[in-house]
PDB file of N, CA and C in Angstrom:
ATOM      1  N   MET A   1      12.599 -22.835   8.862  1.00  0.00           N
ATOM      2  CA  MET A   1      12.938 -21.674   7.930  1.00  0.00           C
ATOM      3  C   MET A   1      11.608 -22.081   6.973  1.00  0.00           C
ATOM      4  N   LYS A   2      10.956 -23.202   6.992  1.00  0.00           N
ATOM      5  CA  LYS A   2      10.171 -23.023   5.730  1.00  0.00           C
ATOM      6  C   LYS A   2       8.511 -22.433   6.634  1.00  0.00           C
ATOM      7  N   ARG A   3       8.802 -22.282   8.079  1.00  0.00           N
ATOM      8  CA  ARG A   3       8.003 -22.188   8.916  1.00  0.00           C
ATOM      9  C   ARG A   3       7.812 -20.633   9.104  1.00  0.00           C
ATOM     10  N   ILE A   4       8.699 -20.335   8.917  1.00  0.00           N
ATOM     11  CA  ILE A   4       9.680 -18.990   9.088  1.00  0.00           C
ATOM     12  C   ILE A   4       8.910 -17.888   7.734  1.00  0.00           C
ATOM     13  N   VAL A   5       8.738 -18.593   6.337  1.00  0.00           N
ATOM     14  CA  VAL A   5       8.564 -17.848   5.080  1.00  0.00           C
ATOM     15  C   VAL A   5       7.231 -18.658   4.957  1.00  0.00           C
ATOM     16  N   LEU A   6       6.671 -18.967   5.440  1.00  0.00           N
ATOM     17  CA  LEU A   6       5.136 -19.018   5.649  1.00  0.00           C
ATOM     18  C   LEU A   6       4.113 -18.602   6.153  1.00  0.00           C
ATOM     19  N   ALA A   7       4.755 -18.072   7.480  1.00  0.00           N
ATOM     20  CA  ALA A   7       3.704 -16.772   8.106  1.00  0.00           C
ATOM     21  C   ALA A   7       4.132 -15.520   8.036  1.00  0.00           C
ATOM     22  N   LEU A   8       5.724 -15.123   7.235  1.00  0.00           N
ATOM     23  CA  LEU A   8       5.938 -14.065   6.489  1.00  0.00           C
ATOM     24  C   LEU A   8       5.006 -13.792   5.442  1.00  0.00           C
ATOM     25  N   ALA A   9       4.474 -14.952   4.633  1.00  0.00           N
ATOM     26  CA  ALA A   9       3.696 -14.988   3.536  1.00  0.00           C
ATOM     27  C   ALA A   9       2.449 -14.474   4.069  1.00  0.00           C
ATOM     28  N   CYS A  10       1.912 -15.386   4.959  1.00  0.00           N
ATOM     29  CA  CYS A  10       0.779 -14.950   5.310  1.00  0.00           C
ATOM     30  C   CYS A  10       0.234 -13.096   5.620  1.00  0.00           C
ATOM     31  N   PHE A  11       1.464 -13.354   6.415  1.00  0.00           N
ATOM     32  CA  PHE A  11       1.684 -11.856   7.031  1.00  0.00           C
ATOM     33  C   PHE A  11       1.151 -10.902   6.096  1.00  0.00           C
ATOM     34  N   ALA A  12       2.248 -11.306   4.636  1.00  0.00           N
ATOM     35  CA  ALA A  12       2.328  -9.688   3.493  1.00  0.00           C
ATOM     36  C   ALA A  12       0.747  -9.902   3.331  1.00  0.00           C
ATOM     37  N   LEU A  13       0.245 -11.106   2.372  1.00  0.00           N
ATOM     38  CA  LEU A  13      -0.706 -11.374   2.057  1.00  0.00           C
ATOM     39  C   LEU A  13      -2.247 -10.674   2.567  1.00  0.00           C
ATOM     40  N   THR A  14      -2.284 -11.132   3.973  1.00  0.00           N
ATOM     41  CA  THR A  14      -3.157 -10.383   5.027  1.00  0.00           C
ATOM     42  C   THR A  14      -2.732  -8.328   5.208  1.00  0.00           C
ATOM     43  N   GLY A  15      -1.539  -8.604   4.763  1.00  0.00           N
ATOM     44  CA  GLY A  15      -1.518  -7.019   4.568  1.00  0.00           C
ATOM     45  C   GLY A  15      -1.860  -6.260   3.580  1.00  0.00           C
ATOM     46  N   CYS A  16      -2.028  -7.023   2.297  1.00  0.00           N
ATOM     47  CA  CYS A  16      -2.552  -6.492   1.438  1.00  0.00           C
ATOM     48  C   CYS A  16      -3.790  -6.248   0.929  1.00  0.00           C
ATOM     49  N   GLN A  17      -4.425  -7.237   1.408  1.00  0.00           N
ATOM     50  CA  GLN A  17      -5.835  -7.749   1.724  1.00  0.00           C
ATOM     51  C   GLN A  17      -6.382  -6.333   2.777  1.00  0.00           C
ATOM     52  N   ALA A  18      -5.825  -5.507   3.668  1.00  0.00           N
ATOM     53  CA  ALA A  18      -5.648  -4.832   4.408  1.00  0.00           C
ATOM     54  C   ALA A  18      -5.884  -3.437   3.839  1.00  0.00           C
ATOM     55  N   MET A  19      -4.789  -3.371   2.665  1.00  0.00           N
ATOM     56  CA  MET A  19      -4.633  -2.054   2.023  1.00  0.00           C
ATOM     57  C   MET A  19      -6.047  -2.283   0.861  1.00  0.00           C
ATOM     58  N   MET A  20      -6.222  -3.222   0.700  1.00  0.00           N
ATOM     59  CA  MET A  20      -6.934  -3.001  -0.592  1.00  0.00           C
ATOM     60  C   MET A  20      -8.720  -2.895  -0.141  1.00  0.00           C
ATOM     61  N   TYR A  21      -8.917  -3.483   0.949  1.00  0.00           N
ATOM     62  CA  TYR A  21     -10.299  -3.000   1.784  1.00  0.00           C
ATOM     63  C   TYR A  21     -10.223  -1.744   2.624  1.00  0.00           C
ATOM     64  N   GLY A  22      -9.166  -1.612   3.192  1.00  0.00           N
ATOM     65  CA  GLY A  22      -9.116  -0.831   4.684  1.00  0.00           C
ATOM     66  C   GLY A  22      -9.802  -1.527   5.777  1.00  0.00           C
ATOM     67  N   THR A  23      -9.804  -1.290   6.650  1.00  0.00           N
ATOM     68  CA  THR A  23      -9.902  -1.838   7.890  1.00  0.00           C
ATOM     69  C   THR A  23     -11.029  -0.705   8.599  1.00  0.00           C
ATOM     70  N   ALA A  24     -12.166  -1.377   9.372  1.00  0.00           N
ATOM     71  CA  ALA A  24     -12.885  -1.639  10.145  1.00  0.00           C
ATOM     72  C   ALA A  24     -12.541  -0.268  10.818  1.00  0.00           C
ATOM     73  N   SER A  25     -11.463   0.438  11.182  1.00  0.00           N
ATOM     74  CA  SER A  25     -11.211   1.597  11.827  1.00  0.00           C
ATOM     75  C   SER A  25     -12.109   2.926  11.333  1.00  0.00           C
ATOM     76  N   ASP A  26     -12.066   2.558  10.239  1.00  0.00           N
ATOM     77  CA  ASP A  26     -12.659   3.727   9.439  1.00  0.00           C
ATOM     78  C   ASP A  26     -14.293   4.249   9.522  1.00  0.00           C
ATOM     79  N   LEU A  27     -14.748   3.245  10.785  1.00  0.00           N
ATOM     80  CA  LEU A  27     -15.962   2.860  11.267  1.00  0.00           C
ATOM     81  C   LEU A  27     -16.264   4.584  12.461  1.00  0.00           C
ATOM     82  N   ASN A  28     -14.707   4.480  12.699  1.00  0.00           N
ATOM     83  CA  ASN A  28     -14.963   4.791  14.139  1.00  0.00           C
ATOM     84  C   ASN A  28     -15.176   6.903  13.640  1.00  0.00           C
ATOM     85  N   ASP A  29     -14.697   6.873  12.510  1.00  0.00           N
ATOM     86  CA  ASP A  29     -15.054   8.465  11.814  1.00  0.00           C
ATOM     87  C   ASP A  29     -16.642   9.044  11.590  1.00  0.00           C
ATOM     88  N   LEU A  30     -17.934   7.853  11.620  1.00  0.00           N
ATOM     89  CA  LEU A  30     -19.103   8.275  11.720  1.00  0.00           C
ATOM     90  C   LEU A  30     -19.385   8.335  12.761  1.00  0.00           C
ATOM     91  N   ARG A  31     -20.395   9.006  12.350  1.00  0.00           N
ATOM     92  CA  ARG A  31     -21.633   9.468  13.727  1.00  0.00           C
ATOM     93  C   ARG A  31     -23.076   9.484  13.098  1.00  0.00           C
ATOM     94  N   ILE A  32     -23.859   9.219  13.724  1.00  0.00           N
ATOM     95  CA  ILE A  32     -25.430   9.442  13.709  1.00  0.00           C
ATOM     96  C   ILE A  32     -25.852  10.983  13.166  1.00  0.00           C
ATOM     97  N   GLY A  33     -26.773  10.535  12.312  1.00  0.00           N
ATOM     98  CA  GLY A  33     -26.795  12.397  11.693  1.00  0.00           C
ATOM     99  C   GLY A  33     -25.949  12.498  10.311  1.00  0.00           C
ATOM    100  N   MET A  34     -25.018  12.081  10.526  1.00  0.00           N
ATOM    101  CA  MET A  34     -24.306  12.477   8.919  1.00  0.00           C
ATOM    102  C   MET A  34     -24.948  12.532   7.657  1.00  0.00           C
ATOM    103  N   SER A  35     -24.547  12.596   6.274  1.00  0.00           N
ATOM    104  CA  SER A  35     -25.616  12.955   5.589  1.00  0.00           C
ATOM    105  C   SER A  35     -24.843  11.510   4.474  1.00  0.00           C
ATOM    106  N   LYS A  36     -25.349  11.651   3.797  1.00  0.00           N
ATOM    107  CA  LYS A  36     -25.231  10.663   2.742  1.00  0.00           C
ATOM    108  C   LYS A  36     -23.537  11.093   1.755  1.00  0.00           C
ATOM    109  N   SER A  37     -23.314  12.211   1.801  1.00  0.00           N
ATOM    110  CA  SER A  37     -22.106  12.850   1.020  1.00  0.00           C
ATOM    111  C   SER A  37     -21.618  12.762   2.061  1.00  0.00           C
ATOM    112  N   GLU A  38     -21.673  12.822   3.268  1.00  0.00           N
ATOM    113  CA  GLU A  38     -20.205  12.461   4.628  1.00  0.00           C
ATOM    114  C   GLU A  38     -19.647  11.241   4.809  1.00  0.00           C
ATOM    115  N   VAL A  39     -20.619  10.184   4.885  1.00  0.00           N
ATOM    116  CA  VAL A  39     -20.613   8.519   4.620  1.00  0.00           C
ATOM    117  C   VAL A  39     -19.388   8.221   3.448  1.00  0.00           C
ATOM    118  N   LEU A  40     -19.758   9.172   2.541  1.00  0.00           N
ATOM    119  CA  LEU A  40     -19.000   8.556   1.306  1.00  0.00           C
ATOM    120  C   LEU A  40     -17.150   9.196   1.210  1.00  0.00           C
ATOM    121  N   ALA A  41     -17.298  10.266   1.593  1.00  0.00           N
ATOM    122  CA  ALA A  41     -16.048  11.329   1.999  1.00  0.00           C
ATOM    123  C   ALA A  41     -15.537   9.603   3.267  1.00  0.00           C
ATOM    124  N   VAL A  42     -15.339   9.539   4.241  1.00  0.00           N
ATOM    125  CA  VAL A  42     -15.288   9.371   5.005  1.00  0.00           C
ATOM    126  C   VAL A  42     -14.975   7.122   4.458  1.00  0.00           C
ATOM    127  N   MET A  43     -15.544   6.960   4.007  1.00  0.00           N
ATOM    128  CA  MET A  43     -15.612   5.350   3.561  1.00  0.00           C
ATOM    129  C   MET A  43     -15.465   5.145   1.873  1.00  0.00           C
ATOM    130  N   GLY A  44     -15.102   5.925   1.178  1.00  0.00           N
ATOM    131  CA  GLY A  44     -15.585   5.889   0.060  1.00  0.00           C
ATOM    132  C   GLY A  44     -17.029   5.067  -0.703  1.00  0.00           C
ATOM    133  N   THR A  45     -17.040   4.118  -2.143  1.00  0.00           N
ATOM    134  CA  THR A  45     -17.786   4.132  -2.515  1.00  0.00           C
ATOM    135  C   THR A  45     -18.247   2.673  -1.855  1.00  0.00           C
ATOM    136  N   PRO A  46     -19.294   2.271  -1.299  1.00  0.00           N
ATOM    137  CA  PRO A  46     -20.027   0.802  -1.287  1.00  0.00           C
ATOM    138  C   PRO A  46     -19.696  -0.479  -2.071  1.00  0.00           C
ATOM    139  N   MET A  47     -19.520  -1.682  -1.704  1.00  0.00           N
ATOM    140  CA  MET A  47     -19.556  -2.580  -2.592  1.00  0.00           C
ATOM    141  C   MET A  47     -20.765  -2.265  -3.167  1.00  0.00           C
ATOM    142  N   LEU A  48     -21.882  -2.325  -2.204  1.00  0.00           N
ATOM    143  CA  LEU A  48     -23.193  -2.577  -2.572  1.00  0.00           C
ATOM    144  C   LEU A  48     -24.071  -1.716  -1.885  1.00  0.00           C
ATOM    145  N   SER A  49     -25.126  -1.547  -2.789  1.00  0.00           N
ATOM    146  CA  SER A  49     -25.985  -0.712  -1.379  1.00  0.00           C
ATOM    147  C   SER A  49     -27.511  -1.121  -2.029  1.00  0.00           C
ATOM    148  N   GLU A  50     -28.594  -0.662  -0.851  1.00  0.00           N
ATOM    149  CA  GLU A  50     -29.491  -1.901  -1.072  1.00  0.00           C
ATOM    150  C   GLU A  50     -30.601  -0.505  -0.295  1.00  0.00           C
ATOM    151  N   ALA A  51     -31.836  -0.469  -1.019  1.00  0.00           N
ATOM    152  CA  ALA A  51     -32.832   0.063  -0.396  1.00  0.00           C
ATOM    153  C   ALA A  51     -34.275   0.091  -0.257  1.00  0.00           C
ATOM    154  N   ASN A  52     -34.910   0.596   0.592  1.00  0.00           N
ATOM    155  CA  ASN A  52     -36.028   0.385   0.814  1.00  0.00           C
ATOM    156  C   ASN A  52     -37.304   1.556   1.049  1.00  0.00           C
ATOM    157  N   ALA A  53     -37.839   1.930   0.064  1.00  0.00           N
ATOM    158  CA  ALA A  53     -38.848   2.921  -0.207  1.00  0.00           C
ATOM    159  C   ALA A  53     -40.362   2.780   0.405  1.00  0.00           C
ATOM    160  N   ASP A  54     -40.507   1.608   1.286  1.00  0.00           N
ATOM    161  CA  ASP A  54     -41.490   1.708   2.527  1.00  0.00           C
ATOM    162  C   ASP A  54     -40.814   2.286   3.553  1.00  0.00           C
ATOM    163  N   THR A  55     -39.859   2.311   3.784  1.00  0.00           N
ATOM    164  CA  THR A  55     -39.209   2.837   5.511  1.00  0.00           C
ATOM    165  C   THR A  55     -38.039   3.177   4.767  1.00  0.00           C
ATOM    166  N   ASN A  56     -38.103   3.993   3.901  1.00  0.00           N
ATOM    167  CA  ASN A  56     -37.325   5.236   3.961  1.00  0.00           C
ATOM    168  C   ASN A  56     -35.523   5.061   3.596  1.00  0.00           C
ATOM    169  N   GLU A  57     -35.506   3.914   3.978  1.00  0.00           N
ATOM    170  CA  GLU A  57     -34.234   3.166   4.258  1.00  0.00           C
ATOM    171  C   GLU A  57     -33.090   3.251   3.192  1.00  0.00           C
ATOM    172  N   GLU A  58     -31.993   3.410   3.119  1.00  0.00           N
ATOM    173  CA  GLU A  58     -30.723   3.400   2.715  1.00  0.00           C
ATOM    174  C   GLU A  58     -29.623   2.425   3.088  1.00  0.00           C
ATOM    175  N   ILE A  59     -29.108   1.103   3.326  1.00  0.00           N
ATOM    176  CA  ILE A  59     -28.371   0.540   3.336  1.00  0.00           C
ATOM    177  C   ILE A  59     -26.693   0.611   2.233  1.00  0.00           C
ATOM    178  N   LEU A  60     -25.751   0.739   2.765  1.00  0.00           N
ATOM    179  CA  LEU A  60     -24.417   0.782   2.110  1.00  0.00           C
ATOM    180  C   LEU A  60     -23.784  -0.474   3.176  1.00  0.00           C
ATOM    181  N   ILE A  61     -23.197  -0.994   2.167  1.00  0.00           N
ATOM    182  CA  ILE A  61     -21.995  -2.403   2.228  1.00  0.00           C
ATOM    183  C   ILE A  61     -20.821  -2.295   2.177  1.00  0.00           C
ATOM    184  N   TYR A  62     -20.227  -1.941   2.799  1.00  0.00           N
ATOM    185  CA  TYR A  62     -18.729  -1.875   1.938  1.00  0.00           C
ATOM    186  C   TYR A  62     -17.913  -3.277   3.208  1.00  0.00           C
ATOM    187  N   LYS A  63     -17.140  -3.489   2.970  1.00  0.00           N
ATOM    188  CA  LYS A  63     -15.939  -4.898   3.486  1.00  0.00           C
ATOM    189  C   LYS A  63     -14.762  -4.017   3.848  1.00  0.00           C
ATOM    190  N   ARG A  64     -14.977  -4.578   4.972  1.00  0.00           N
ATOM    191  CA  ARG A  64     -13.307  -3.694   5.781  1.00  0.00           C
ATOM    192  C   ARG A  64     -13.044  -5.458   6.766  1.00  0.00           C
ATOM    193  N   MET A  65     -11.151  -4.905   6.486  1.00  0.00           N
ATOM    194  CA  MET A  65     -10.835  -5.897   7.021  1.00  0.00           C
ATOM    195  C   MET A  65     -11.003  -5.652   9.107  1.00  0.00           C
ATOM    196  N   ARG A  66     -11.152  -6.688   9.711  1.00  0.00           N
ATOM    197  CA  ARG A  66     -11.619  -6.202  10.839  1.00  0.00           C
ATOM    198  C   ARG A  66     -10.482  -5.422  11.669  1.00  0.00           C
ATOM    199  N   HIS A  67      -9.261  -6.141  11.059  1.00  0.00           N
ATOM    200  CA  HIS A  67      -7.906  -5.515  11.907  1.00  0.00           C
ATOM    201  C   HIS A  67      -6.655  -5.944  10.732  1.00  0.00           C
ATOM    202  N   VAL A  68      -5.648  -5.017  11.122  1.00  0.00           N
ATOM    203  CA  VAL A  68      -4.753  -5.197   9.889  1.00  0.00           C
ATOM    204  C   VAL A  68      -4.700  -6.938   9.531  1.00  0.00           C
ATOM    205  N   ILE A  69      -4.209  -7.612  10.403  1.00  0.00           N
ATOM    206  CA  ILE A  69      -4.091  -9.286  11.061  1.00  0.00           C
ATOM    207  C   ILE A  69      -5.464  -9.692  10.429  1.00  0.00           C
ATOM    208  N   THR A  70      -6.000  -9.965   9.553  1.00  0.00           N
ATOM    209  CA  THR A  70      -7.215 -11.087  10.005  1.00  0.00           C
ATOM    210  C   THR A  70      -7.101 -11.445   8.652  1.00  0.00           C
ATOM    211  N   TRP A  71      -8.086 -12.536   8.991  1.00  0.00           N
ATOM    212  CA  TRP A  71      -8.206 -13.978   7.527  1.00  0.00           C
ATOM    213  C   TRP A  71      -8.890 -13.125   6.728  1.00  0.00           C
ATOM    214  N   GLY A  72      -9.602 -12.140   6.224  1.00  0.00           N
ATOM    215  CA  GLY A  72     -10.280 -11.912   5.293  1.00  0.00           C
ATOM    216  C   GLY A  72     -11.404 -10.793   5.601  1.00  0.00           C
ATOM    217  N   PRO A  73     -11.956 -10.093   4.790  1.00  0.00           N
ATOM    218  CA  PRO A  73     -12.730  -8.942   4.814  1.00  0.00           C
ATOM    219  C   PRO A  73     -14.184  -9.241   5.782  1.00  0.00           C
ATOM    220  N   LYS A  74     -14.481  -8.568   6.464  1.00  0.00           N
ATOM    221  CA  LYS A  74     -16.688  -8.811   6.494  1.00  0.00           C
ATOM    222  C   LYS A  74     -16.707  -8.104   6.088  1.00  0.00           C
ATOM    223  N   PRO A  75     -17.976  -8.241   5.888  1.00  0.00           N
ATOM    224  CA  PRO A  75     -18.892  -6.819   5.474  1.00  0.00           C
ATOM    225  C   PRO A  75     -19.481  -6.159   6.650  1.00  0.00           C
ATOM    226  N   TYR A  76     -19.932  -4.726   6.299  1.00  0.00           N
ATOM    227  CA  TYR A  76     -19.831  -3.771   7.410  1.00  0.00           C
ATOM    228  C   TYR A  76     -21.397  -3.081   6.525  1.00  0.00           C
ATOM    229  N   HIS A  77     -22.092  -2.238   7.250  1.00  0.00           N
ATOM    230  CA  HIS A  77     -23.485  -1.479   6.764  1.00  0.00           C
ATOM    231  C   HIS A  77     -23.674  -0.447   7.831  1.00  0.00           C
ATOM    232  N   VAL A  78     -23.885   0.537   6.617  1.00  0.00           N
ATOM    233  CA  VAL A  78     -24.029   2.039   6.869  1.00  0.00           C
ATOM    234  C   VAL A  78     -25.475   2.014   6.759  1.00  0.00           C
ATOM    235  N   THR A  79     -26.749   2.689   7.769  1.00  0.00           N
ATOM    236  CA  THR A  79     -28.150   2.800   7.330  1.00  0.00           C
ATOM    237  C   THR A  79     -28.482   3.759   7.133  1.00  0.00           C
ATOM    238  N   LEU A  80     -28.519   4.528   6.352  1.00  0.00           N
ATOM    239  CA  LEU A  80     -29.382   5.690   6.740  1.00  0.00           C
ATOM    240  C   LEU A  80     -30.934   5.567   5.431  1.00  0.00           C
ATOM    241  N   ARG A  81     -31.525   6.938   6.399  1.00  0.00           N
ATOM    242  CA  ARG A  81     -32.942   6.845   6.635  1.00  0.00           C
ATOM    243  C   ARG A  81     -33.142   8.167   6.914  1.00  0.00           C
ATOM    244  N   GLY A  82     -34.289   8.671   5.939  1.00  0.00           N
ATOM    245  CA  GLY A  82     -34.114  10.004   5.169  1.00  0.00           C
ATOM    246  C   GLY A  82     -32.852  10.347   4.851  1.00  0.00           C
ATOM    247  N   GLY A  83     -32.220   9.826   4.192  1.00  0.00           N
ATOM    248  CA  GLY A  83     -31.172  10.401   3.856  1.00  0.00           C
ATOM    249  C   GLY A  83     -29.846  10.880   4.849  1.00  0.00           C
ATOM    250  N   LYS A  84     -29.613  10.070   6.451  1.00  0.00           N
ATOM    251  CA  LYS A  84     -28.923  10.159   7.356  1.00  0.00           C
ATOM    252  C   LYS A  84     -28.610   9.109   8.228  1.00  0.00           C
ATOM    253  N   VAL A  85     -27.636   9.009   8.406  1.00  0.00           N
ATOM    254  CA  VAL A  85     -27.276   7.807   9.458  1.00  0.00           C
ATOM    255  C   VAL A  85     -27.817   7.410  10.363  1.00  0.00           C
ATOM    256  N   VAL A  86     -28.604   6.348  10.718  1.00  0.00           N
ATOM    257  CA  VAL A  86     -29.346   5.893  11.893  1.00  0.00           C
ATOM    258  C   VAL A  86     -28.678   4.593  13.025  1.00  0.00           C
ATOM    259  N   SER A  87     -27.622   4.152  11.869  1.00  0.00           N
ATOM    260  CA  SER A  87     -27.143   2.899  12.127  1.00  0.00           C
ATOM    261  C   SER A  87     -25.705   2.544  11.730  1.00  0.00           C
ATOM    262  N   TYR A  88     -24.896   1.782  12.272  1.00  0.00           N
ATOM    263  CA  TYR A  88     -23.550   1.094  11.276  1.00  0.00           C
ATOM    264  C   TYR A  88     -22.762   0.544  12.250  1.00  0.00           C
ATOM    265  N   GLY A  89     -22.190  -0.339  11.472  1.00  0.00           N
ATOM    266  CA  GLY A  89     -21.404  -1.398  12.321  1.00  0.00           C
ATOM    267  C   GLY A  89     -20.811  -2.907  11.246  1.00  0.00           C
ATOM    268  N   GLU A  90     -20.496  -3.686  11.946  1.00  0.00           N
ATOM    269  CA  GLU A  90     -20.485  -5.441  11.440  1.00  0.00           C
ATOM    270  C   GLU A  90     -22.075  -5.950  11.035  1.00  0.00           C
ATOM    271  N   GLN A  91     -21.962  -6.066   9.878  1.00  0.00           N
ATOM    272  CA  GLN A  91     -23.038  -6.977   9.255  1.00  0.00           C
ATOM    273  C   GLN A  91     -23.195  -8.514   9.892  1.00  0.00           C
ATOM    274  N   LYS A  92     -24.412  -8.615  10.530  1.00  0.00           N
ATOM    275  CA  LYS A  92     -24.868 -10.254  11.428  1.00  0.00           C
ATOM    276  C   LYS A  92     -25.600 -10.779  10.023  1.00  0.00           C
TER     277      LYS A  92
END
Protein backbone atom coordinates (compact mmCIF):
# COMPACT_ATOMS: atom_id res chain seq x y z
CA MET A 1 0.00 0.00 0.00
CA LYS A 2 2.83 2.39 0.88
CA ARG A 3 4.43 1.76 -2.52
CA ILE A 4 1.21 2.63 -4.31
CA VAL A 5 0.85 5.87 -2.35
CA LEU A 6 4.49 6.74 -3.04
CA ALA A 7 4.10 6.00 -6.75
CA LEU A 8 0.96 8.15 -6.95
CA ALA A 9 2.68 10.99 -5.10
CA CYS A 10 5.65 10.87 -7.50
CA PHE A 11 3.30 10.86 -10.48
CA ALA A 12 1.33 13.82 -9.10
CA LEU A 13 4.46 15.87 -8.39
CA THR A 14 5.87 15.16 -11.84
CA GLY A 15 2.58 16.20 -13.42
CA CYS A 16 2.71 19.46 -11.48
CA GLN A 17 6.14 20.22 -12.91
CA ALA A 18 4.84 19.63 -16.43
CA MET A 19 2.08 22.15 -15.75
CA MET A 20 4.61 24.64 -14.39
CA TYR A 21 7.29 24.30 -17.09
CA GLY A 22 5.36 22.88 -20.03
CA THR A 23 6.73 20.07 -22.16
CA ALA A 24 9.33 20.01 -24.91
CA SER A 25 6.54 19.30 -27.40
CA ASP A 26 6.16 23.11 -27.58
CA LEU A 27 9.27 23.05 -29.76
CA ASN A 28 7.32 21.16 -32.43
CA ASP A 29 5.56 24.45 -33.22
CA LEU A 30 8.83 26.29 -33.93
CA ARG A 31 10.25 26.70 -37.42
CA ILE A 32 13.55 27.98 -38.80
CA GLY A 33 13.09 31.59 -39.90
CA MET A 34 10.47 32.52 -37.29
CA SER A 35 10.77 35.96 -35.71
CA LYS A 36 11.39 36.50 -31.99
CA SER A 37 7.81 37.64 -31.49
CA GLU A 38 6.54 34.42 -33.10
CA VAL A 39 8.80 32.37 -30.80
CA LEU A 40 7.53 34.24 -27.75
CA ALA A 41 3.94 33.60 -28.84
CA VAL A 42 4.66 29.84 -28.96
CA MET A 43 7.06 29.42 -26.06
CA GLY A 44 6.31 32.33 -23.73
CA THR A 45 8.91 34.30 -21.81
CA PRO A 46 12.31 32.60 -21.59
CA MET A 47 13.88 31.92 -18.19
CA LEU A 48 17.13 33.41 -19.50
CA SER A 49 18.44 35.10 -22.61
CA GLU A 50 21.96 35.70 -23.90
CA ALA A 51 23.18 37.95 -26.70
CA ASN A 52 26.39 38.21 -28.71
CA ALA A 53 26.89 41.39 -30.76
CA ASP A 54 29.83 39.88 -32.68
CA THR A 55 27.70 37.08 -34.14
CA ASN A 56 24.39 39.02 -34.05
CA GLU A 57 22.90 36.09 -32.14
CA GLU A 58 20.41 35.97 -29.32
CA ILE A 59 19.82 32.74 -27.40
CA LEU A 60 16.59 32.23 -25.49
CA ILE A 61 16.76 29.55 -22.79
CA TYR A 62 13.63 27.71 -21.63
CA LYS A 63 13.07 24.98 -19.05
CA ARG A 64 10.73 22.26 -20.23
CA MET A 65 9.88 18.74 -19.17
CA ARG A 66 10.96 16.24 -21.83
CA HIS A 67 7.70 14.33 -21.27
CA VAL A 68 4.82 14.70 -18.82
CA ILE A 69 6.32 11.90 -16.74
CA THR A 70 9.96 12.90 -16.25
CA TRP A 71 11.99 13.59 -13.12
CA GLY A 72 12.90 17.18 -13.83
CA PRO A 73 12.95 19.97 -16.38
CA LYS A 74 15.76 20.29 -18.91
CA PRO A 75 17.08 23.44 -20.60
CA TYR A 76 16.13 24.07 -24.22
CA HIS A 77 17.48 26.84 -26.45
CA VAL A 78 16.18 28.89 -29.33
CA THR A 79 18.95 30.68 -31.24
CA LEU A 80 18.09 33.73 -33.30
CA ARG A 81 20.49 35.38 -35.75
CA GLY A 82 19.47 38.71 -37.15
CA GLY A 83 16.11 38.34 -35.37
CA LYS A 84 15.24 35.00 -37.03
CA VAL A 85 15.39 31.45 -35.63
CA VAL A 86 18.42 29.53 -36.89
CA SER A 87 18.35 26.60 -34.42
CA TYR A 88 16.45 25.19 -31.45
CA GLY A 89 16.48 22.11 -29.28
CA GLU A 90 17.72 20.61 -26.05
CA GLN A 91 20.69 22.47 -24.63
CA LYS A 92 23.79 20.30 -24.53
